Amino acid sequence: MNSYKQICPPYCGCIEEECYANWDADSDGTVTCSNCGKDYYSMPQYSFEGWQVEKICGDCREKESECFCEEEAE
């Protein structure tokens, strides 16, 4: 079951507040419901949106969007 909110569906049906939701895709997915206190599985699902591609500055080695070398030279 996919949902846009973290819900305790197997037990009480409580919708978790975002501060209690499991946002860690590297976890084992086991969470404890803040309402009924029972454990259930909830794993965030993320979709791939593409790559951010930028040049790297030859002087400071930062991404072009974070480089301020040209501004300092002025």
PDB file of N, CA and C in Angstrom:
ATOM      1  N   MET A   1       0.842  -1.179   0.000  1.00  0.00           N
ATOM      2  CA  MET A   1       0.000   0.000   0.000  1.00  0.00           C
ATOM      3  C   MET A   1       0.888   1.243   0.000  1.00  0.00           C
ATOM      4  N   ASN A   2       0.726   2.125  -0.966  1.00  0.00           N
ATOM      5  CA  ASN A   2       1.442   3.399  -1.007  1.00  0.00           C
ATOM      6  C   ASN A   2       0.526   4.509  -0.534  1.00  0.00           C
ATOM      7  N   SER A   3       1.097   5.463   0.167  1.00  0.00           N
ATOM      8  CA  SER A   3       0.333   6.571   0.721  1.00  0.00           C
ATOM      9  C   SER A   3       1.212   7.809   0.725  1.00  0.00           C
ATOM     10  N   TYR A   4       0.618   8.986   0.677  1.00  0.00           N
ATOM     11  CA  TYR A   4       1.385  10.224   0.762  1.00  0.00           C
ATOM     12  C   TYR A   4       1.551  10.690   2.200  1.00  0.00           C
ATOM     13  N   LYS A   5       0.943   9.994   3.128  1.00  0.00           N
ATOM     14  CA  LYS A   5       1.109  10.249   4.556  1.00  0.00           C
ATOM     15  C   LYS A   5       1.469   8.934   5.219  1.00  0.00           C
ATOM     16  N   GLN A   6       2.226   8.992   6.303  1.00  0.00           N
ATOM     17  CA  GLN A   6       2.537   7.768   7.036  1.00  0.00           C
ATOM     18  C   GLN A   6       1.371   7.461   7.955  1.00  0.00           C
ATOM     19  N   ILE A   7       0.766   6.309   7.737  1.00  0.00           N
ATOM     20  CA  ILE A   7      -0.425   5.900   8.478  1.00  0.00           C
ATOM     21  C   ILE A   7      -0.145   4.574   9.178  1.00  0.00           C
ATOM     22  N   CYS A   8      -0.720   4.371  10.333  1.00  0.00           N
ATOM     23  CA  CYS A   8      -0.624   3.099  11.058  1.00  0.00           C
ATOM     24  C   CYS A   8      -1.807   2.230  10.623  1.00  0.00           C
ATOM     25  N   PRO A   9      -1.764   1.694   9.390  1.00  0.00           N
ATOM     26  CA  PRO A   9      -2.919   0.975   8.877  1.00  0.00           C
ATOM     27  C   PRO A   9      -3.200  -0.374   9.539  1.00  0.00           C
ATOM     28  N   PRO A  10      -2.169  -1.103   9.981  1.00  0.00           N
ATOM     29  CA  PRO A  10      -2.507  -2.417  10.523  1.00  0.00           C
ATOM     30  C   PRO A  10      -3.161  -2.383  11.901  1.00  0.00           C
ATOM     31  N   TYR A  11      -3.082  -1.247  12.580  1.00  0.00           N
ATOM     32  CA  TYR A  11      -3.605  -1.188  13.941  1.00  0.00           C
ATOM     33  C   TYR A  11      -4.657  -0.099  14.118  1.00  0.00           C
ATOM     34  N   CYS A  12      -4.239   1.126  14.391  1.00  0.00           N
ATOM     35  CA  CYS A  12      -5.219   2.148  14.779  1.00  0.00           C
ATOM     36  C   CYS A  12      -5.605   3.119  13.662  1.00  0.00           C
ATOM     37  N   GLY A  13      -4.847   3.145  12.546  1.00  0.00           N
ATOM     38  CA  GLY A  13      -5.178   4.044  11.447  1.00  0.00           C
ATOM     39  C   GLY A  13      -4.749   5.485  11.664  1.00  0.00           C
ATOM     40  N   CYS A  14      -3.956   5.732  12.686  1.00  0.00           N
ATOM     41  CA  CYS A  14      -3.484   7.085  13.007  1.00  0.00           C
ATOM     42  C   CYS A  14      -2.590   7.614  11.882  1.00  0.00           C
ATOM     43  N   ILE A  15      -2.775   8.869  11.496  1.00  0.00           N
ATOM     44  CA  ILE A  15      -1.883   9.534  10.554  1.00  0.00           C
ATOM     45  C   ILE A  15      -0.790  10.196  11.380  1.00  0.00           C
ATOM     46  N   GLU A  16       0.463   9.787  11.139  1.00  0.00           N
ATOM     47  CA  GLU A  16       1.582  10.322  11.906  1.00  0.00           C
ATOM     48  C   GLU A  16       1.889  11.758  11.510  1.00  0.00           C
ATOM     49  N   GLU A  17       2.252  12.569  12.483  1.00  0.00           N
ATOM     50  CA  GLU A  17       2.753  13.902  12.190  1.00  0.00           C
ATOM     51  C   GLU A  17       4.111  13.731  11.524  1.00  0.00           C
ATOM     52  N   GLU A  18       4.507  14.693  10.677  1.00  0.00           N
ATOM     53  CA  GLU A  18       5.748  14.563   9.926  1.00  0.00           C
ATOM     54  C   GLU A  18       6.970  14.387  10.825  1.00  0.00           C
ATOM     55  N   CYS A  19       6.954  14.959  12.016  1.00  0.00           N
ATOM     56  CA  CYS A  19       8.106  14.833  12.909  1.00  0.00           C
ATOM     57  C   CYS A  19       8.266  13.407  13.450  1.00  0.00           C
ATOM     58  N   TYR A  20       7.205  12.595  13.406  1.00  0.00           N
ATOM     59  CA  TYR A  20       7.276  11.211  13.868  1.00  0.00           C
ATOM     60  C   TYR A  20       7.433  10.224  12.709  1.00  0.00           C
ATOM     61  N   ALA A  21       7.282  10.683  11.472  1.00  0.00           N
ATOM     62  CA  ALA A  21       7.324   9.793  10.318  1.00  0.00           C
ATOM     63  C   ALA A  21       8.739   9.301  10.048  1.00  0.00           C
ATOM     64  N   ASN A  22       8.837   8.131   9.447  1.00  0.00           N
ATOM     65  CA  ASN A  22      10.127   7.566   9.065  1.00  0.00           C
ATOM     66  C   ASN A  22      10.519   8.124   7.702  1.00  0.00           C
ATOM     67  N   TRP A  23      11.522   9.010   7.655  1.00  0.00           N
ATOM     68  CA  TRP A  23      12.005   9.597   6.401  1.00  0.00           C
ATOM     69  C   TRP A  23      13.303   8.947   5.953  1.00  0.00           C
ATOM     70  N   ASP A  24      13.843   8.014   6.728  1.00  0.00           N
ATOM     71  CA  ASP A  24      15.160   7.425   6.465  1.00  0.00           C
ATOM     72  C   ASP A  24      15.039   6.169   5.608  1.00  0.00           C
ATOM     73  N   ALA A  25      15.372   6.279   4.325  1.00  0.00           N
ATOM     74  CA  ALA A  25      15.289   5.138   3.410  1.00  0.00           C
ATOM     75  C   ALA A  25      16.340   4.083   3.731  1.00  0.00           C
ATOM     76  N   ASP A  26      17.333   4.402   4.574  1.00  0.00           N
ATOM     77  CA  ASP A  26      18.360   3.442   4.950  1.00  0.00           C
ATOM     78  C   ASP A  26      18.002   2.652   6.210  1.00  0.00           C
ATOM     79  N   SER A  27      16.874   2.953   6.827  1.00  0.00           N
ATOM     80  CA  SER A  27      16.471   2.235   8.047  1.00  0.00           C
ATOM     81  C   SER A  27      15.866   0.884   7.680  1.00  0.00           C
ATOM     82  N   ASP A  28      15.539   0.092   8.695  1.00  0.00           N
ATOM     83  CA  ASP A  28      14.887  -1.200   8.430  1.00  0.00           C
ATOM     84  C   ASP A  28      13.386  -1.037   8.226  1.00  0.00           C
ATOM     85  N   GLY A  29      12.865   0.173   8.393  1.00  0.00           N
ATOM     86  CA  GLY A  29      11.457   0.453   8.135  1.00  0.00           C
ATOM     87  C   GLY A  29      10.529   0.208   9.311  1.00  0.00           C
ATOM     88  N   THR A  30      11.050  -0.283  10.416  1.00  0.00           N
ATOM     89  CA  THR A  30      10.213  -0.537  11.581  1.00  0.00           C
ATOM     90  C   THR A  30      10.026   0.762  12.357  1.00  0.00           C
ATOM     91  N   VAL A  31       8.773   1.145  12.545  1.00  0.00           N
ATOM     92  CA  VAL A  31       8.455   2.362  13.302  1.00  0.00           C
ATOM     93  C   VAL A  31       7.435   2.035  14.376  1.00  0.00           C
ATOM     94  N   THR A  32       7.384   2.871  15.392  1.00  0.00           N
ATOM     95  CA  THR A  32       6.420   2.708  16.468  1.00  0.00           C
ATOM     96  C   THR A  32       5.374   3.799  16.348  1.00  0.00           C
ATOM     97  N   CYS A  33       4.121   3.419  16.334  1.00  0.00           N
ATOM     98  CA  CYS A  33       3.027   4.370  16.208  1.00  0.00           C
ATOM     99  C   CYS A  33       3.003   5.290  17.430  1.00  0.00           C
ATOM    100  N   SER A  34       2.906   6.592  17.176  1.00  0.00           N
ATOM    101  CA  SER A  34       2.878   7.553  18.283  1.00  0.00           C
ATOM    102  C   SER A  34       1.548   7.529  19.021  1.00  0.00           C
ATOM    103  N   ASN A  35       0.524   6.898  18.442  1.00  0.00           N
ATOM    104  CA  ASN A  35      -0.789   6.840  19.064  1.00  0.00           C
ATOM    105  C   ASN A  35      -0.979   5.546  19.868  1.00  0.00           C
ATOM    106  N   CYS A  36      -0.837   4.381  19.201  1.00  0.00           N
ATOM    107  CA  CYS A  36      -1.123   3.115  19.883  1.00  0.00           C
ATOM    108  C   CYS A  36       0.124   2.421  20.433  1.00  0.00           C
ATOM    109  N   GLY A  37       1.320   2.877  20.011  1.00  0.00           N
ATOM    110  CA  GLY A  37       2.564   2.321  20.542  1.00  0.00           C
ATOM    111  C   GLY A  37       2.985   0.998  19.927  1.00  0.00           C
ATOM    112  N   LYS A  38       2.275   0.514  18.906  1.00  0.00           N
ATOM    113  CA  LYS A  38       2.634  -0.760  18.270  1.00  0.00           C
ATOM    114  C   LYS A  38       3.579  -0.509  17.098  1.00  0.00           C
ATOM    115  N   ASP A  39       4.446  -1.510  16.828  1.00  0.00           N
ATOM    116  CA  ASP A  39       5.394  -1.420  15.729  1.00  0.00           C
ATOM    117  C   ASP A  39       4.750  -1.864  14.425  1.00  0.00           C
ATOM    118  N   TYR A  40       5.122  -1.194  13.330  1.00  0.00           N
ATOM    119  CA  TYR A  40       4.691  -1.587  11.990  1.00  0.00           C
ATOM    120  C   TYR A  40       5.767  -1.155  11.002  1.00  0.00           C
ATOM    121  N   TYR A  41       5.667  -1.583   9.765  1.00  0.00           N
ATOM    122  CA  TYR A  41       6.642  -1.276   8.727  1.00  0.00           C
ATOM    123  C   TYR A  41       6.180  -0.077   7.914  1.00  0.00           C
ATOM    124  N   SER A  42       7.071   0.892   7.728  1.00  0.00           N
ATOM    125  CA  SER A  42       6.789   2.045   6.879  1.00  0.00           C
ATOM    126  C   SER A  42       8.107   2.524   6.291  1.00  0.00           C
ATOM    127  N   MET A  43       8.217   2.486   4.964  1.00  0.00           N
ATOM    128  CA  MET A  43       9.450   2.868   4.294  1.00  0.00           C
ATOM    129  C   MET A  43       9.144   3.967   3.281  1.00  0.00           C
ATOM    130  N   PRO A  44       9.894   5.092   3.333  1.00  0.00           N
ATOM    131  CA  PRO A  44       9.663   6.158   2.358  1.00  0.00           C
ATOM    132  C   PRO A  44      10.035   5.693   0.957  1.00  0.00           C
ATOM    133  N   GLN A  45       9.274   6.110  -0.034  1.00  0.00           N
ATOM    134  CA  GLN A  45       9.524   5.776  -1.433  1.00  0.00           C
ATOM    135  C   GLN A  45       9.847   7.062  -2.170  1.00  0.00           C
ATOM    136  N   TYR A  46      10.998   7.088  -2.819  1.00  0.00           N
ATOM    137  CA  TYR A  46      11.428   8.271  -3.547  1.00  0.00           C
ATOM    138  C   TYR A  46      11.501   7.958  -5.026  1.00  0.00           C
ATOM    139  N   SER A  47      11.216   8.940  -5.854  1.00  0.00           N
ATOM    140  CA  SER A  47      11.324   8.741  -7.294  1.00  0.00           C
ATOM    141  C   SER A  47      12.495   9.558  -7.830  1.00  0.00           C
ATOM    142  N   PHE A  48      13.171   8.996  -8.796  1.00  0.00           N
ATOM    143  CA  PHE A  48      14.336   9.613  -9.408  1.00  0.00           C
ATOM    144  C   PHE A  48      13.892  10.758 -10.306  1.00  0.00           C
ATOM    145  N   GLU A  49      14.493  11.941 -10.128  1.00  0.00           N
ATOM    146  CA  GLU A  49      14.119  13.115 -10.913  1.00  0.00           C
ATOM    147  C   GLU A  49      15.199  13.545 -11.888  1.00  0.00           C
ATOM    148  N   GLY A  50      16.333  12.891 -11.905  1.00  0.00           N
ATOM    149  CA  GLY A  50      17.398  13.233 -12.839  1.00  0.00           C
ATOM    150  C   GLY A  50      18.656  13.661 -12.115  1.00  0.00           C
ATOM    151  N   TRP A  51      19.615  14.163 -12.893  1.00  0.00           N
ATOM    152  CA  TRP A  51      20.890  14.596 -12.351  1.00  0.00           C
ATOM    153  C   TRP A  51      21.028  16.093 -12.434  1.00  0.00           C
ATOM    154  N   GLN A  52      21.683  16.683 -11.454  1.00  0.00           N
ATOM    155  CA  GLN A  52      22.098  18.081 -11.507  1.00  0.00           C
ATOM    156  C   GLN A  52      23.531  18.052 -12.018  1.00  0.00           C
ATOM    157  N   VAL A  53      23.806  18.714 -13.129  1.00  0.00           N
ATOM    158  CA  VAL A  53      25.134  18.693 -13.749  1.00  0.00           C
ATOM    159  C   VAL A  53      25.664  20.110 -13.814  1.00  0.00           C
ATOM    160  N   GLU A  54      26.890  20.311 -13.310  1.00  0.00           N
ATOM    161  CA  GLU A  54      27.524  21.623 -13.331  1.00  0.00           C
ATOM    162  C   GLU A  54      29.016  21.468 -13.539  1.00  0.00           C
ATOM    163  N   LYS A  55      29.639  22.525 -14.042  1.00  0.00           N
ATOM    164  CA  LYS A  55      31.084  22.571 -14.142  1.00  0.00           C
ATOM    165  C   LYS A  55      31.667  22.721 -12.736  1.00  0.00           C
ATOM    166  N   ILE A  56      32.918  22.292 -12.577  1.00  0.00           N
ATOM    167  CA  ILE A  56      33.668  22.484 -11.337  1.00  0.00           C
ATOM    168  C   ILE A  56      34.724  23.549 -11.610  1.00  0.00           C
ATOM    169  N   CYS A  57      34.849  24.517 -10.729  1.00  0.00           N
ATOM    170  CA  CYS A  57      35.827  25.586 -10.874  1.00  0.00           C
ATOM    171  C   CYS A  57      37.234  25.000 -10.789  1.00  0.00           C
ATOM    172  N   GLY A  58      38.094  25.373 -11.725  1.00  0.00           N
ATOM    173  CA  GLY A  58      39.469  24.883 -11.730  1.00  0.00           C
ATOM    174  C   GLY A  58      40.315  25.465 -10.614  1.00  0.00           C
ATOM    175  N   ASP A  59      39.902  26.601 -10.057  1.00  0.00           N
ATOM    176  CA  ASP A  59      40.683  27.244  -8.992  1.00  0.00           C
ATOM    177  C   ASP A  59      40.293  26.740  -7.601  1.00  0.00           C
ATOM    178  N   CYS A  60      39.018  26.857  -7.270  1.00  0.00           N
ATOM    179  CA  CYS A  60      38.586  26.514  -5.900  1.00  0.00           C
ATOM    180  C   CYS A  60      37.972  25.120  -5.789  1.00  0.00           C
ATOM    181  N   ARG A  61      37.695  24.449  -6.917  1.00  0.00           N
ATOM    182  CA  ARG A  61      37.140  23.095  -6.971  1.00  0.00           C
ATOM    183  C   ARG A  61      35.714  23.010  -6.429  1.00  0.00           C
ATOM    184  N   GLU A  62      35.004  24.150  -6.395  1.00  0.00           N
ATOM    185  CA  GLU A  62      33.586  24.171  -5.993  1.00  0.00           C
ATOM    186  C   GLU A  62      32.720  24.062  -7.232  1.00  0.00           C
ATOM    187  N   LYS A  63      31.427  23.677  -7.033  1.00  0.00           N
ATOM    188  CA  LYS A  63      30.476  23.709  -8.142  1.00  0.00           C
ATOM    189  C   LYS A  63      30.375  25.146  -8.628  1.00  0.00           C
ATOM    190  N   GLU A  64      30.140  25.302  -9.938  1.00  0.00           N
ATOM    191  CA  GLU A  64      30.047  26.635 -10.523  1.00  0.00           C
ATOM    192  C   GLU A  64      29.012  27.506  -9.805  1.00  0.00           C
ATOM    193  N   SER A  65      27.902  26.921  -9.374  1.00  0.00           N
ATOM    194  CA  SER A  65      26.849  27.687  -8.692  1.00  0.00           C
ATOM    195  C   SER A  65      27.269  28.148  -7.293  1.00  0.00           C
ATOM    196  N   GLU A  66      28.308  27.533  -6.722  1.00  0.00           N
ATOM    197  CA  GLU A  66      28.781  27.903  -5.385  1.00  0.00           C
ATOM    198  C   GLU A  66      30.152  28.572  -5.405  1.00  0.00           C
ATOM    199  N   CYS A  67      30.674  28.838  -6.600  1.00  0.00           N
ATOM    200  CA  CYS A  67      32.002  29.435  -6.761  1.00  0.00           C
ATOM    201  C   CYS A  67      31.877  30.955  -6.776  1.00  0.00           C
ATOM    202  N   PHE A  68      32.773  31.612  -6.047  1.00  0.00           N
ATOM    203  CA  PHE A  68      32.784  33.074  -6.013  1.00  0.00           C
ATOM    204  C   PHE A  68      34.144  33.622  -6.466  1.00  0.00           C
ATOM    205  N   CYS A  69      34.920  32.819  -7.169  1.00  0.00           N
ATOM    206  CA  CYS A  69      36.264  33.241  -7.610  1.00  0.00           C
ATOM    207  C   CYS A  69      36.196  34.470  -8.520  1.00  0.00           C
ATOM    208  N   GLU A  70      35.267  34.515  -9.465  1.00  0.00           N
ATOM    209  CA  GLU A  70      35.178  35.638 -10.398  1.00  0.00           C
ATOM    210  C   GLU A  70      34.792  36.918  -9.676  1.00  0.00           C
ATOM    211  N   GLU A  71      33.912  36.833  -8.690  1.00  0.00           N
ATOM    212  CA  GLU A  71      33.494  38.024  -7.933  1.00  0.00           C
ATOM    213  C   GLU A  71      34.652  38.593  -7.131  1.00  0.00           C
ATOM    214  N   GLU A  72      35.507  37.714  -6.571  1.00  0.00           N
ATOM    215  CA  GLU A  72      36.648  38.170  -5.774  1.00  0.00           C
ATOM    216  C   GLU A  72      37.669  38.851  -6.653  1.00  0.00           C
ATOM    217  N   ALA A  73      37.791  38.421  -7.930  1.00  0.00           N
ATOM    218  CA  ALA A  73      38.781  38.991  -8.838  1.00  0.00           C
ATOM    219  C   ALA A  73      38.417  40.394  -9.278  1.00  0.00           C
ATOM    220  N   GLU A  74      37.148  40.781  -9.212  1.00  0.00           N
ATOM    221  CA  GLU A  74      36.715  42.107  -9.669  1.00  0.00           C
ATOM    222  C   GLU A  74      37.153  43.227  -8.792  1.00  0.00           C
TER     223      GLU A  74
END
